[in-house]
Amino acid sequence: FTRKETETSENSYKSIDATITLKQMLFDGFLTSSEK
């Protein structure tokens, strides 16, 4: 929730942020294959 004030007015508003991150291992120096 954000409130912004100026000399002539006062405003407030809500903010919603969402982030989706997809990661795919391409090469990890054979760490995964070695561990498996």
PDB file of all heavy atoms in Angstrom:
ATOM      1  N   PHE A   1       0.868  -1.177   0.000  1.00  0.00           N
ATOM      2  CA  PHE A   1       0.000   0.000   0.000  1.00  0.00           C
ATOM      3  C   PHE A   1       0.902   1.223   0.000  1.00  0.00           C
ATOM      4  O   PHE A   1       1.780   1.368   0.853  1.00  0.00           O
ATOM      5  CB  PHE A   1      -0.889  -0.004   1.249  1.00  0.00           C
ATOM      6  CG  PHE A   1      -1.861   1.141   1.280  1.00  0.00           C
ATOM      7  CD1 PHE A   1      -3.053   1.088   0.574  1.00  0.00           C
ATOM      8  CD2 PHE A   1      -1.563   2.288   2.012  1.00  0.00           C
ATOM      9  CE1 PHE A   1      -3.945   2.151   0.621  1.00  0.00           C
ATOM     10  CE2 PHE A   1      -2.451   3.343   2.049  1.00  0.00           C
ATOM     11  CZ  PHE A   1      -3.644   3.282   1.360  1.00  0.00           C
ATOM     12  N   THR A   2       0.679   2.099  -0.984  1.00  0.00           N
ATOM     13  CA  THR A   2       1.537   3.278  -1.145  1.00  0.00           C
ATOM     14  C   THR A   2       0.695   4.561  -1.065  1.00  0.00           C
ATOM     15  O   THR A   2      -0.393   4.636  -1.653  1.00  0.00           O
ATOM     16  CB  THR A   2       2.255   3.240  -2.504  1.00  0.00           C
ATOM     17  OG1 THR A   2       3.002   2.013  -2.605  1.00  0.00           O
ATOM     18  CG2 THR A   2       3.201   4.429  -2.638  1.00  0.00           C
ATOM     19  N   ARG A   3       1.211   5.550  -0.330  1.00  0.00           N
ATOM     20  CA  ARG A   3       0.539   6.857  -0.234  1.00  0.00           C
ATOM     21  C   ARG A   3       1.470   7.921  -0.809  1.00  0.00           C
ATOM     22  O   ARG A   3       2.641   7.973  -0.456  1.00  0.00           O
ATOM     23  CB  ARG A   3       0.206   7.197   1.212  1.00  0.00           C
ATOM     24  CG  ARG A   3      -0.361   8.614   1.382  1.00  0.00           C
ATOM     25  CD  ARG A   3      -0.701   8.905   2.807  1.00  0.00           C
ATOM     26  NE  ARG A   3      -1.795   8.039   3.259  1.00  0.00           N
ATOM     27  CZ  ARG A   3      -2.284   8.047   4.502  1.00  0.00           C
ATOM     28  NH1 ARG A   3      -1.717   8.850   5.410  1.00  0.00           N
ATOM     29  NH2 ARG A   3      -3.281   7.258   4.836  1.00  0.00           N
ATOM     30  N   LYS A   4       0.929   8.753  -1.704  1.00  0.00           N
ATOM     31  CA  LYS A   4       1.703   9.817  -2.343  1.00  0.00           C
ATOM     32  C   LYS A   4       1.031  11.168  -2.094  1.00  0.00           C
ATOM     33  O   LYS A   4      -0.146  11.361  -2.403  1.00  0.00           O
ATOM     34  CB  LYS A   4       1.811   9.539  -3.844  1.00  0.00           C
ATOM     35  CG  LYS A   4       2.728  10.507  -4.561  1.00  0.00           C
ATOM     36  CD  LYS A   4       2.868  10.111  -6.016  1.00  0.00           C
ATOM     37  CE  LYS A   4       3.823  11.046  -6.740  1.00  0.00           C
ATOM     38  NZ  LYS A   4       3.983  10.670  -8.168  1.00  0.00           N
ATOM     39  N   GLU A   5       1.803  12.078  -1.535  1.00  0.00           N
ATOM     40  CA  GLU A   5       1.264  13.404  -1.223  1.00  0.00           C
ATOM     41  C   GLU A   5       1.978  14.472  -2.058  1.00  0.00           C
ATOM     42  O   GLU A   5       3.182  14.405  -2.254  1.00  0.00           O
ATOM     43  CB  GLU A   5       1.458  13.710   0.258  1.00  0.00           C
ATOM     44  CG  GLU A   5       0.709  12.775   1.179  1.00  0.00           C
ATOM     45  CD  GLU A   5       0.890  13.167   2.630  1.00  0.00           C
ATOM     46  OE1 GLU A   5       1.554  14.202   2.877  1.00  0.00           O
ATOM     47  OE2 GLU A   5       0.388  12.448   3.510  1.00  0.00           O
ATOM     48  N   THR A   6       1.185  15.412  -2.536  1.00  0.00           N
ATOM     49  CA  THR A   6       1.731  16.610  -3.223  1.00  0.00           C
ATOM     50  C   THR A   6       1.155  17.843  -2.542  1.00  0.00           C
ATOM     51  O   THR A   6       0.380  17.748  -1.582  1.00  0.00           O
ATOM     52  CB  THR A   6       1.337  16.594  -4.711  1.00  0.00           C
ATOM     53  OG1 THR A   6      -0.087  16.680  -4.813  1.00  0.00           O
ATOM     54  CG2 THR A   6       1.809  15.307  -5.373  1.00  0.00           C
ATOM     55  N   GLU A   7       1.523  19.043  -3.072  1.00  0.00           N
ATOM     56  CA  GLU A   7       1.028  20.281  -2.458  1.00  0.00           C
ATOM     57  C   GLU A   7      -0.469  20.461  -2.654  1.00  0.00           C
ATOM     58  O   GLU A   7      -1.138  21.113  -1.864  1.00  0.00           O
ATOM     59  CB  GLU A   7       1.771  21.491  -3.066  1.00  0.00           C
ATOM     60  CG  GLU A   7       3.259  21.513  -2.735  1.00  0.00           C
ATOM     61  CD  GLU A   7       3.922  22.719  -3.357  1.00  0.00           C
ATOM     62  OE1 GLU A   7       3.222  23.452  -4.100  1.00  0.00           O
ATOM     63  OE2 GLU A   7       5.111  22.929  -3.108  1.00  0.00           O
ATOM     64  N   THR A   8      -0.968  19.824  -3.696  1.00  0.00           N
ATOM     65  CA  THR A   8      -2.387  20.052  -4.001  1.00  0.00           C
ATOM     66  C   THR A   8      -3.265  18.821  -3.768  1.00  0.00           C
ATOM     67  O   THR A   8      -4.496  18.942  -3.746  1.00  0.00           O
ATOM     68  CB  THR A   8      -2.542  20.477  -5.464  1.00  0.00           C
ATOM     69  OG1 THR A   8      -1.996  19.451  -6.303  1.00  0.00           O
ATOM     70  CG2 THR A   8      -1.796  21.785  -5.719  1.00  0.00           C
ATOM     71  N   SER A   9      -2.628  17.668  -3.606  1.00  0.00           N
ATOM     72  CA  SER A   9      -3.473  16.470  -3.453  1.00  0.00           C
ATOM     73  C   SER A   9      -2.751  15.395  -2.652  1.00  0.00           C
ATOM     74  O   SER A   9      -1.544  15.462  -2.429  1.00  0.00           O
ATOM     75  CB  SER A   9      -3.844  15.917  -4.832  1.00  0.00           C
ATOM     76  OG  SER A   9      -2.675  15.488  -5.521  1.00  0.00           O
ATOM     77  N   GLU A  10      -3.548  14.425  -2.302  1.00  0.00           N
ATOM     78  CA  GLU A  10      -3.023  13.270  -1.566  1.00  0.00           C
ATOM     79  C   GLU A  10      -3.648  12.014  -2.169  1.00  0.00           C
ATOM     80  O   GLU A  10      -4.868  11.855  -2.193  1.00  0.00           O
ATOM     81  CB  GLU A  10      -3.364  13.370  -0.091  1.00  0.00           C
ATOM     82  CG  GLU A  10      -2.846  12.185   0.713  1.00  0.00           C
ATOM     83  CD  GLU A  10      -3.156  12.335   2.195  1.00  0.00           C
ATOM     84  OE1 GLU A  10      -3.246  13.475   2.689  1.00  0.00           O
ATOM     85  OE2 GLU A  10      -3.316  11.293   2.852  1.00  0.00           O
ATOM     86  N   ASN A  11      -2.832  11.136  -2.685  1.00  0.00           N
ATOM     87  CA  ASN A  11      -3.321   9.907  -3.338  1.00  0.00           C
ATOM     88  C   ASN A  11      -2.696   8.676  -2.673  1.00  0.00           C
ATOM     89  O   ASN A  11      -1.558   8.710  -2.211  1.00  0.00           O
ATOM     90  CB  ASN A  11      -2.957   9.892  -4.829  1.00  0.00           C
ATOM     91  CG  ASN A  11      -3.606  11.051  -5.573  1.00  0.00           C
ATOM     92  OD1 ASN A  11      -4.791  11.314  -5.408  1.00  0.00           O
ATOM     93  ND2 ASN A  11      -2.819  11.753  -6.386  1.00  0.00           N
ATOM     94  N   SER A  12      -3.446   7.627  -2.695  1.00  0.00           N
ATOM     95  CA  SER A  12      -2.944   6.337  -2.196  1.00  0.00           C
ATOM     96  C   SER A  12      -3.383   5.230  -3.150  1.00  0.00           C
ATOM     97  O   SER A  12      -4.458   5.316  -3.748  1.00  0.00           O
ATOM     98  CB  SER A  12      -3.466   6.057  -0.778  1.00  0.00           C
ATOM     99  OG  SER A  12      -4.883   6.004  -0.776  1.00  0.00           O
ATOM    100  N   TYR A  13      -2.573   4.206  -3.252  1.00  0.00           N
ATOM    101  CA  TYR A  13      -2.927   3.108  -4.143  1.00  0.00           C
ATOM    102  C   TYR A  13      -2.226   1.827  -3.667  1.00  0.00           C
ATOM    103  O   TYR A  13      -1.247   1.860  -2.952  1.00  0.00           O
ATOM    104  CB  TYR A  13      -2.529   3.422  -5.587  1.00  0.00           C
ATOM    105  CG  TYR A  13      -1.070   3.782  -5.773  1.00  0.00           C
ATOM    106  CD1 TYR A  13      -0.126   2.791  -6.041  1.00  0.00           C
ATOM    107  CD2 TYR A  13      -0.632   5.122  -5.677  1.00  0.00           C
ATOM    108  CE1 TYR A  13       1.200   3.115  -6.193  1.00  0.00           C
ATOM    109  CE2 TYR A  13       0.699   5.442  -5.839  1.00  0.00           C
ATOM    110  CZ  TYR A  13       1.607   4.437  -6.102  1.00  0.00           C
ATOM    111  OH  TYR A  13       2.929   4.757  -6.257  1.00  0.00           O
ATOM    112  N   LYS A  14      -2.810   0.751  -4.129  1.00  0.00           N
ATOM    113  CA  LYS A  14      -2.265  -0.561  -3.809  1.00  0.00           C
ATOM    114  C   LYS A  14      -1.414  -1.046  -4.965  1.00  0.00           C
ATOM    115  O   LYS A  14      -1.700  -0.764  -6.118  1.00  0.00           O
ATOM    116  CB  LYS A  14      -3.382  -1.580  -3.548  1.00  0.00           C
ATOM    117  CG  LYS A  14      -4.246  -1.261  -2.341  1.00  0.00           C
ATOM    118  CD  LYS A  14      -5.343  -2.315  -2.175  1.00  0.00           C
ATOM    119  CE  LYS A  14      -6.218  -2.004  -0.970  1.00  0.00           C
ATOM    120  NZ  LYS A  14      -7.307  -3.001  -0.823  1.00  0.00           N
ATOM    121  N   SER A  15      -0.397  -1.845  -4.617  1.00  0.00           N
ATOM    122  CA  SER A  15       0.457  -2.423  -5.661  1.00  0.00           C
ATOM    123  C   SER A  15       0.607  -3.937  -5.418  1.00  0.00           C
ATOM    124  O   SER A  15       0.723  -4.383  -4.284  1.00  0.00           O
ATOM    125  CB  SER A  15       1.840  -1.763  -5.666  1.00  0.00           C
ATOM    126  OG  SER A  15       2.498  -1.990  -4.431  1.00  0.00           O
ATOM    127  N   ILE A  16       0.538  -4.669  -6.494  1.00  0.00           N
ATOM    128  CA  ILE A  16       0.715  -6.126  -6.431  1.00  0.00           C
ATOM    129  C   ILE A  16       1.779  -6.512  -7.451  1.00  0.00           C
ATOM    130  O   ILE A  16       1.694  -6.147  -8.621  1.00  0.00           O
ATOM    131  CB  ILE A  16      -0.598  -6.866  -6.745  1.00  0.00           C
ATOM    132  CG1 ILE A  16      -1.678  -6.498  -5.711  1.00  0.00           C
ATOM    133  CG2 ILE A  16      -0.376  -8.370  -6.775  1.00  0.00           C
ATOM    134  CD1 ILE A  16      -3.016  -7.130  -5.985  1.00  0.00           C
ATOM    135  N   ASP A  17       2.755  -7.253  -6.981  1.00  0.00           N
ATOM    136  CA  ASP A  17       3.839  -7.706  -7.853  1.00  0.00           C
ATOM    137  C   ASP A  17       3.867  -9.234  -7.863  1.00  0.00           C
ATOM    138  O   ASP A  17       3.711  -9.885  -6.826  1.00  0.00           O
ATOM    139  CB  ASP A  17       5.195  -7.182  -7.370  1.00  0.00           C
ATOM    140  CG  ASP A  17       5.269  -5.662  -7.436  1.00  0.00           C
ATOM    141  OD1 ASP A  17       4.745  -5.117  -8.412  1.00  0.00           O
ATOM    142  OD2 ASP A  17       5.837  -5.064  -6.501  1.00  0.00           O
ATOM    143  N   ALA A  18       4.070  -9.812  -8.997  1.00  0.00           N
ATOM    144  CA  ALA A  18       4.177 -11.271  -9.143  1.00  0.00           C
ATOM    145  C   ALA A  18       5.259 -11.587 -10.160  1.00  0.00           C
ATOM    146  O   ALA A  18       5.340 -10.943 -11.206  1.00  0.00           O
ATOM    147  CB  ALA A  18       2.849 -11.874  -9.563  1.00  0.00           C
ATOM    148  N   THR A  19       6.061 -12.574  -9.812  1.00  0.00           N
ATOM    149  CA  THR A  19       7.159 -12.970 -10.698  1.00  0.00           C
ATOM    150  C   THR A  19       7.212 -14.493 -10.800  1.00  0.00           C
ATOM    151  O   THR A  19       7.168 -15.196  -9.786  1.00  0.00           O
ATOM    152  CB  THR A  19       8.518 -12.473 -10.165  1.00  0.00           C
ATOM    153  OG1 THR A  19       8.466 -11.052  -9.998  1.00  0.00           O
ATOM    154  CG2 THR A  19       9.633 -12.829 -11.128  1.00  0.00           C
ATOM    155  N   ILE A  20       7.293 -14.980 -12.009  1.00  0.00           N
ATOM    156  CA  ILE A  20       7.450 -16.413 -12.260  1.00  0.00           C
ATOM    157  C   ILE A  20       8.781 -16.611 -12.979  1.00  0.00           C
ATOM    158  O   ILE A  20       9.029 -15.995 -14.013  1.00  0.00           O
ATOM    159  CB  ILE A  20       6.305 -16.980 -13.103  1.00  0.00           C
ATOM    160  CG1 ILE A  20       4.971 -16.850 -12.353  1.00  0.00           C
ATOM    161  CG2 ILE A  20       6.562 -18.439 -13.442  1.00  0.00           C
ATOM    162  CD1 ILE A  20       3.785 -17.345 -13.150  1.00  0.00           C
ATOM    163  N   THR A  21       9.601 -17.469 -12.404  1.00  0.00           N
ATOM    164  CA  THR A  21      10.915 -17.722 -12.981  1.00  0.00           C
ATOM    165  C   THR A  21      11.061 -19.208 -13.290  1.00  0.00           C
ATOM    166  O   THR A  21      10.860 -20.061 -12.414  1.00  0.00           O
ATOM    167  CB  THR A  21      12.042 -17.303 -12.023  1.00  0.00           C
ATOM    168  OG1 THR A  21      11.855 -15.923 -11.647  1.00  0.00           O
ATOM    169  CG2 THR A  21      13.398 -17.477 -12.681  1.00  0.00           C
ATOM    170  N   LEU A  22      11.390 -19.532 -14.508  1.00  0.00           N
ATOM    171  CA  LEU A  22      11.605 -20.906 -14.927  1.00  0.00           C
ATOM    172  C   LEU A  22      13.084 -21.095 -15.244  1.00  0.00           C
ATOM    173  O   LEU A  22      13.646 -20.394 -16.082  1.00  0.00           O
ATOM    174  CB  LEU A  22      10.755 -21.232 -16.158  1.00  0.00           C
ATOM    175  CG  LEU A  22      10.917 -22.640 -16.727  1.00  0.00           C
ATOM    176  CD1 LEU A  22      10.472 -23.685 -15.717  1.00  0.00           C
ATOM    177  CD2 LEU A  22      10.139 -22.784 -18.039  1.00  0.00           C
ATOM    178  N   LYS A  23      13.685 -22.056 -14.564  1.00  0.00           N
ATOM    179  CA  LYS A  23      15.102 -22.325 -14.768  1.00  0.00           C
ATOM    180  C   LYS A  23      15.278 -23.760 -15.261  1.00  0.00           C
ATOM    181  O   LYS A  23      14.629 -24.677 -14.776  1.00  0.00           O
ATOM    182  CB  LYS A  23      15.888 -22.145 -13.470  1.00  0.00           C
ATOM    183  CG  LYS A  23      15.842 -20.732 -12.905  1.00  0.00           C
ATOM    184  CD  LYS A  23      16.616 -20.657 -11.606  1.00  0.00           C
ATOM    185  CE  LYS A  23      16.558 -19.263 -11.008  1.00  0.00           C
ATOM    186  NZ  LYS A  23      17.289 -19.193  -9.704  1.00  0.00           N
ATOM    187  N   GLN A  24      16.152 -23.943 -16.209  1.00  0.00           N
ATOM    188  CA  GLN A  24      16.446 -25.269 -16.729  1.00  0.00           C
ATOM    189  C   GLN A  24      17.961 -25.457 -16.780  1.00  0.00           C
ATOM    190  O   GLN A  24      18.663 -24.683 -17.419  1.00  0.00           O
ATOM    191  CB  GLN A  24      15.851 -25.465 -18.118  1.00  0.00           C
ATOM    192  CG  GLN A  24      16.250 -26.754 -18.802  1.00  0.00           C
ATOM    193  CD  GLN A  24      15.756 -27.992 -18.048  1.00  0.00           C
ATOM    194  OE1 GLN A  24      14.556 -28.140 -17.871  1.00  0.00           O
ATOM    195  NE2 GLN A  24      16.666 -28.849 -17.603  1.00  0.00           N
ATOM    196  N   MET A  25      18.438 -26.485 -16.077  1.00  0.00           N
ATOM    197  CA  MET A  25      19.865 -26.756 -16.061  1.00  0.00           C
ATOM    198  C   MET A  25      20.285 -27.290 -17.437  1.00  0.00           C
ATOM    199  O   MET A  25      19.705 -28.241 -17.956  1.00  0.00           O
ATOM    200  CB  MET A  25      20.195 -27.770 -14.967  1.00  0.00           C
ATOM    201  CG  MET A  25      21.692 -28.005 -14.772  1.00  0.00           C
ATOM    202  SD  MET A  25      22.384 -29.269 -15.875  1.00  0.00           S
ATOM    203  CE  MET A  25      21.609 -30.743 -15.260  1.00  0.00           C
ATOM    204  N   LEU A  26      21.272 -26.667 -18.029  1.00  0.00           N
ATOM    205  CA  LEU A  26      21.806 -27.119 -19.303  1.00  0.00           C
ATOM    206  C   LEU A  26      23.109 -27.882 -19.112  1.00  0.00           C
ATOM    207  O   LEU A  26      23.305 -28.948 -19.699  1.00  0.00           O
ATOM    208  CB  LEU A  26      22.031 -25.914 -20.225  1.00  0.00           C
ATOM    209  CG  LEU A  26      20.770 -25.109 -20.595  1.00  0.00           C
ATOM    210  CD1 LEU A  26      21.135 -23.929 -21.470  1.00  0.00           C
ATOM    211  CD2 LEU A  26      19.750 -26.011 -21.284  1.00  0.00           C
ATOM    212  N   PHE A  27      23.965 -27.369 -18.270  1.00  0.00           N
ATOM    213  CA  PHE A  27      25.230 -28.059 -18.004  1.00  0.00           C
ATOM    214  C   PHE A  27      25.761 -27.582 -16.658  1.00  0.00           C
ATOM    215  O   PHE A  27      25.881 -26.384 -16.418  1.00  0.00           O
ATOM    216  CB  PHE A  27      26.244 -27.760 -19.100  1.00  0.00           C
ATOM    217  CG  PHE A  27      27.566 -28.459 -18.891  1.00  0.00           C
ATOM    218  CD1 PHE A  27      27.683 -29.840 -19.044  1.00  0.00           C
ATOM    219  CD2 PHE A  27      28.696 -27.731 -18.531  1.00  0.00           C
ATOM    220  CE1 PHE A  27      28.896 -30.477 -18.836  1.00  0.00           C
ATOM    221  CE2 PHE A  27      29.907 -28.357 -18.334  1.00  0.00           C
ATOM    222  CZ  PHE A  27      30.015 -29.741 -18.491  1.00  0.00           C
ATOM    223  N   ASP A  28      26.032 -28.526 -15.776  1.00  0.00           N
ATOM    224  CA  ASP A  28      26.532 -28.173 -14.442  1.00  0.00           C
ATOM    225  C   ASP A  28      27.865 -28.850 -14.145  1.00  0.00           C
ATOM    226  O   ASP A  28      28.192 -29.129 -12.993  1.00  0.00           O
ATOM    227  CB  ASP A  28      25.501 -28.537 -13.366  1.00  0.00           C
ATOM    228  CG  ASP A  28      25.216 -30.029 -13.307  1.00  0.00           C
ATOM    229  OD1 ASP A  28      25.724 -30.758 -14.181  1.00  0.00           O
ATOM    230  OD2 ASP A  28      24.487 -30.452 -12.403  1.00  0.00           O
ATOM    231  N   GLY A  29      28.585 -29.130 -15.215  1.00  0.00           N
ATOM    232  CA  GLY A  29      29.889 -29.766 -15.016  1.00  0.00           C
ATOM    233  C   GLY A  29      29.784 -31.215 -14.577  1.00  0.00           C
ATOM    234  O   GLY A  29      30.640 -31.695 -13.839  1.00  0.00           O
ATOM    235  N   PHE A  30      28.726 -31.886 -15.000  1.00  0.00           N
ATOM    236  CA  PHE A  30      28.483 -33.302 -14.696  1.00  0.00           C
ATOM    237  C   PHE A  30      28.201 -33.564 -13.219  1.00  0.00           C
ATOM    238  O   PHE A  30      28.259 -34.709 -12.765  1.00  0.00           O
ATOM    239  CB  PHE A  30      29.677 -34.167 -15.147  1.00  0.00           C
ATOM    240  CG  PHE A  30      30.005 -34.045 -16.591  1.00  0.00           C
ATOM    241  CD1 PHE A  30      31.150 -33.363 -16.993  1.00  0.00           C
ATOM    242  CD2 PHE A  30      29.176 -34.579 -17.564  1.00  0.00           C
ATOM    243  CE1 PHE A  30      31.462 -33.242 -18.336  1.00  0.00           C
ATOM    244  CE2 PHE A  30      29.495 -34.461 -18.908  1.00  0.00           C
ATOM    245  CZ  PHE A  30      30.631 -33.788 -19.300  1.00  0.00           C
ATOM    246  N   LEU A  31      27.846 -32.533 -12.473  1.00  0.00           N
ATOM    247  CA  LEU A  31      27.556 -32.734 -11.052  1.00  0.00           C
ATOM    248  C   LEU A  31      26.312 -33.588 -10.853  1.00  0.00           C
ATOM    249  O   LEU A  31      26.296 -34.517 -10.041  1.00  0.00           O
ATOM    250  CB  LEU A  31      27.383 -31.370 -10.358  1.00  0.00           C
ATOM    251  CG  LEU A  31      28.645 -30.505 -10.242  1.00  0.00           C
ATOM    252  CD1 LEU A  31      28.315 -29.172  -9.580  1.00  0.00           C
ATOM    253  CD2 LEU A  31      29.724 -31.236  -9.450  1.00  0.00           C
ATOM    254  N   THR A  32      25.259 -33.276 -11.623  1.00  0.00           N
ATOM    255  CA  THR A  32      24.009 -34.018 -11.476  1.00  0.00           C
ATOM    256  C   THR A  32      24.153 -35.468 -11.913  1.00  0.00           C
ATOM    257  O   THR A  32      23.720 -36.396 -11.231  1.00  0.00           O
ATOM    258  CB  THR A  32      22.886 -33.344 -12.283  1.00  0.00           C
ATOM    259  OG1 THR A  32      22.672 -32.023 -11.778  1.00  0.00           O
ATOM    260  CG2 THR A  32      21.592 -34.135 -12.175  1.00  0.00           C
ATOM    261  N   SER A  33      24.777 -35.683 -13.056  1.00  0.00           N
ATOM    262  CA  SER A  33      24.947 -37.054 -13.551  1.00  0.00           C
ATOM    263  C   SER A  33      25.845 -37.860 -12.619  1.00  0.00           C
ATOM    264  O   SER A  33      25.595 -39.049 -12.381  1.00  0.00           O
ATOM    265  CB  SER A  33      25.529 -37.034 -14.961  1.00  0.00           C
ATOM    266  OG  SER A  33      26.789 -36.379 -14.990  1.00  0.00           O
ATOM    267  N   SER A  34      26.865 -37.225 -12.082  1.00  0.00           N
ATOM    268  CA  SER A  34      27.767 -37.916 -11.163  1.00  0.00           C
ATOM    269  C   SER A  34      27.053 -38.293  -9.867  1.00  0.00           C
ATOM    270  O   SER A  34      27.233 -39.396  -9.337  1.00  0.00           O
ATOM    271  CB  SER A  34      28.988 -37.053 -10.856  1.00  0.00           C
ATOM    272  OG  SER A  34      29.742 -36.796 -12.020  1.00  0.00           O
ATOM    273  N   GLU A  35      26.235 -37.374  -9.368  1.00  0.00           N
ATOM    274  CA  GLU A  35      25.503 -37.640  -8.136  1.00  0.00           C
ATOM    275  C   GLU A  35      24.469 -38.750  -8.332  1.00  0.00           C
ATOM    276  O   GLU A  35      24.307 -39.621  -7.473  1.00  0.00           O
ATOM    277  CB  GLU A  35      24.812 -36.362  -7.646  1.00  0.00           C
ATOM    278  CG  GLU A  35      23.956 -36.527  -6.400  1.00  0.00           C
ATOM    279  CD  GLU A  35      24.741 -36.981  -5.185  1.00  0.00           C
ATOM    280  OE1 GLU A  35      25.984 -36.902  -5.206  1.00  0.00           O
ATOM    281  OE2 GLU A  35      24.093 -37.407  -4.203  1.00  0.00           O
ATOM    282  N   LYS A  36      23.805 -38.737  -9.475  1.00  0.00           N
ATOM    283  CA  LYS A  36      22.828 -39.783  -9.754  1.00  0.00           C
ATOM    284  C   LYS A  36      23.511 -41.146  -9.872  1.00  0.00           C
ATOM    285  O   LYS A  36      23.012 -42.157  -9.348  1.00  0.00           O
ATOM    286  CB  LYS A  36      22.059 -39.470 -11.032  1.00  0.00           C
ATOM    287  CG  LYS A  36      20.966 -40.473 -11.333  1.00  0.00           C
ATOM    288  CD  LYS A  36      20.174 -40.097 -12.573  1.00  0.00           C
ATOM    289  CE  LYS A  36      19.087 -41.140 -12.851  1.00  0.00           C
ATOM    290  NZ  LYS A  36      18.294 -40.798 -14.051  1.00  0.00           N
TER     291      LYS A  36
END
